[in-house]
């Protein structure tokens, strides 16, 4: 995987979406290594539609009572 295809490429759009939905505290509570797992999952999507579905799923998770990241809800 090249550096351009890695998790950091998707970090800024995801951060903007977290800010829009007032979920930044969840981002700050979750360890960076677990956030990078999610960001890598977004980055491995071959189709932009799949990437958008994955990000949408993550952002909707708090409405289902979970954490937006893989880290356990606090």
C-alpha atoms as a PDB file:
ATOM      1  CA  UNK A   1       0.000   0.000   0.000  1.00  0.00           C
ATOM      2  CA  UNK A   2       1.377   3.407  -0.874  1.00  0.00           C
ATOM      3  CA  UNK A   3       1.364   6.312   1.521  1.00  0.00           C
ATOM      4  CA  UNK A   4      -1.299   8.085  -0.549  1.00  0.00           C
ATOM      5  CA  UNK A   5      -3.639   5.109  -0.208  1.00  0.00           C
ATOM      6  CA  UNK A   6      -3.174   4.788   3.560  1.00  0.00           C
ATOM      7  CA  UNK A   7      -5.479   5.828   6.377  1.00  0.00           C
ATOM      8  CA  UNK A   8      -4.256   9.434   6.608  1.00  0.00           C
ATOM      9  CA  UNK A   9      -5.710  10.161   3.179  1.00  0.00           C
ATOM     10  CA  UNK A  10      -9.203   9.730   4.646  1.00  0.00           C
ATOM     11  CA  UNK A  11      -8.555  11.312   8.037  1.00  0.00           C
ATOM     12  CA  UNK A  12      -9.532  14.913   7.228  1.00  0.00           C
ATOM     13  CA  UNK A  13     -12.935  14.197   5.606  1.00  0.00           C
ATOM     14  CA  UNK A  14     -13.812  11.866   8.485  1.00  0.00           C
ATOM     15  CA  UNK A  15     -12.776  14.489  11.057  1.00  0.00           C
ATOM     16  CA  UNK A  16     -14.947  17.085   9.332  1.00  0.00           C
ATOM     17  CA  UNK A  17     -17.914  14.690   9.432  1.00  0.00           C
ATOM     18  CA  UNK A  18     -17.296  13.946  13.122  1.00  0.00           C
ATOM     19  CA  UNK A  19     -17.262  17.684  13.852  1.00  0.00           C
ATOM     20  CA  UNK A  20     -20.478  18.207  11.880  1.00  0.00           C
ATOM     21  CA  UNK A  21     -22.219  15.497  13.931  1.00  0.00           C
ATOM     22  CA  UNK A  22     -20.664  16.661  17.232  1.00  0.00           C
ATOM     23  CA  UNK A  23     -18.828  13.359  17.719  1.00  0.00           C
ATOM     24  CA  UNK A  24     -15.302  14.707  18.249  1.00  0.00           C
ATOM     25  CA  UNK A  25     -15.241  13.573  21.891  1.00  0.00           C
ATOM     26  CA  UNK A  26     -15.590   9.984  20.637  1.00  0.00           C
ATOM     27  CA  UNK A  27     -12.630  10.539  18.329  1.00  0.00           C
ATOM     28  CA  UNK A  28     -10.498  11.903  21.151  1.00  0.00           C
ATOM     29  CA  UNK A  29     -11.397   9.067  23.560  1.00  0.00           C
ATOM     30  CA  UNK A  30     -10.469   6.275  21.179  1.00  0.00           C
ATOM     31  CA  UNK A  31      -6.802   5.200  20.943  1.00  0.00           C
ATOM     32  CA  UNK A  32      -5.115   6.238  17.697  1.00  0.00           C
ATOM     33  CA  UNK A  33      -4.255   2.660  16.713  1.00  0.00           C
ATOM     34  CA  UNK A  34      -7.936   1.667  16.765  1.00  0.00           C
ATOM     35  CA  UNK A  35      -8.927   4.780  14.798  1.00  0.00           C
ATOM     36  CA  UNK A  36      -6.321   3.832  12.200  1.00  0.00           C
ATOM     37  CA  UNK A  37      -7.938   0.397  11.833  1.00  0.00           C
ATOM     38  CA  UNK A  38     -11.208   2.083  10.861  1.00  0.00           C
ATOM     39  CA  UNK A  39      -9.454   4.567   8.580  1.00  0.00           C
ATOM     40  CA  UNK A  40      -7.655   1.687   6.877  1.00  0.00           C
ATOM     41  CA  UNK A  41     -11.007  -0.055   6.389  1.00  0.00           C
ATOM     42  CA  UNK A  42     -12.305   3.058   4.627  1.00  0.00           C
ATOM     43  CA  UNK A  43      -9.158   3.293   2.530  1.00  0.00           C
ATOM     44  CA  UNK A  44      -9.305  -0.323   1.367  1.00  0.00           C
ATOM     45  CA  UNK A  45     -12.706   0.182  -0.236  1.00  0.00           C
ATOM     46  CA  UNK A  46     -12.202  -0.036  -3.979  1.00  0.00           C
ATOM     47  CA  UNK A  47     -15.374   1.849  -4.868  1.00  0.00           C
ATOM     48  CA  UNK A  48     -16.198   5.320  -3.604  1.00  0.00           C
ATOM     49  CA  UNK A  49     -19.756   4.109  -2.904  1.00  0.00           C
ATOM     50  CA  UNK A  50     -18.423   1.399  -0.592  1.00  0.00           C
ATOM     51  CA  UNK A  51     -16.189   3.923   1.189  1.00  0.00           C
ATOM     52  CA  UNK A  52     -19.169   6.257   1.681  1.00  0.00           C
ATOM     53  CA  UNK A  53     -21.286   3.385   3.074  1.00  0.00           C
ATOM     54  CA  UNK A  54     -18.559   2.447   5.552  1.00  0.00           C
ATOM     55  CA  UNK A  55     -18.138   6.027   6.756  1.00  0.00           C
ATOM     56  CA  UNK A  56     -21.904   6.439   7.036  1.00  0.00           C
ATOM     57  CA  UNK A  57     -22.110   3.245   9.112  1.00  0.00           C
ATOM     58  CA  UNK A  58     -19.425   4.578  11.465  1.00  0.00           C
ATOM     59  CA  UNK A  59     -21.171   7.935  11.856  1.00  0.00           C
ATOM     60  CA  UNK A  60     -24.558   6.320  12.526  1.00  0.00           C
ATOM     61  CA  UNK A  61     -23.205   3.947  15.192  1.00  0.00           C
ATOM     62  CA  UNK A  62     -23.778   6.349  18.152  1.00  0.00           C
ATOM     63  CA  UNK A  63     -27.499   6.444  17.303  1.00  0.00           C
ATOM     64  CA  UNK A  64     -27.500   2.662  17.840  1.00  0.00           C
ATOM     65  CA  UNK A  65     -25.797   3.098  21.208  1.00  0.00           C
ATOM     66  CA  UNK A  66     -22.237   2.355  20.145  1.00  0.00           C
ATOM     67  CA  UNK A  67     -19.002   4.206  19.564  1.00  0.00           C
ATOM     68  CA  UNK A  68     -18.248   5.506  16.062  1.00  0.00           C
ATOM     69  CA  UNK A  69     -14.817   3.841  16.233  1.00  0.00           C
ATOM     70  CA  UNK A  70     -13.940   0.240  16.986  1.00  0.00           C
ATOM     71  CA  UNK A  71     -12.993   1.217  20.522  1.00  0.00           C
ATOM     72  CA  UNK A  72     -15.514   0.342  23.226  1.00  0.00           C
ATOM     73  CA  UNK A  73     -18.053   3.000  24.149  1.00  0.00           C
ATOM     74  CA  UNK A  74     -17.236   4.724  27.432  1.00  0.00           C
END
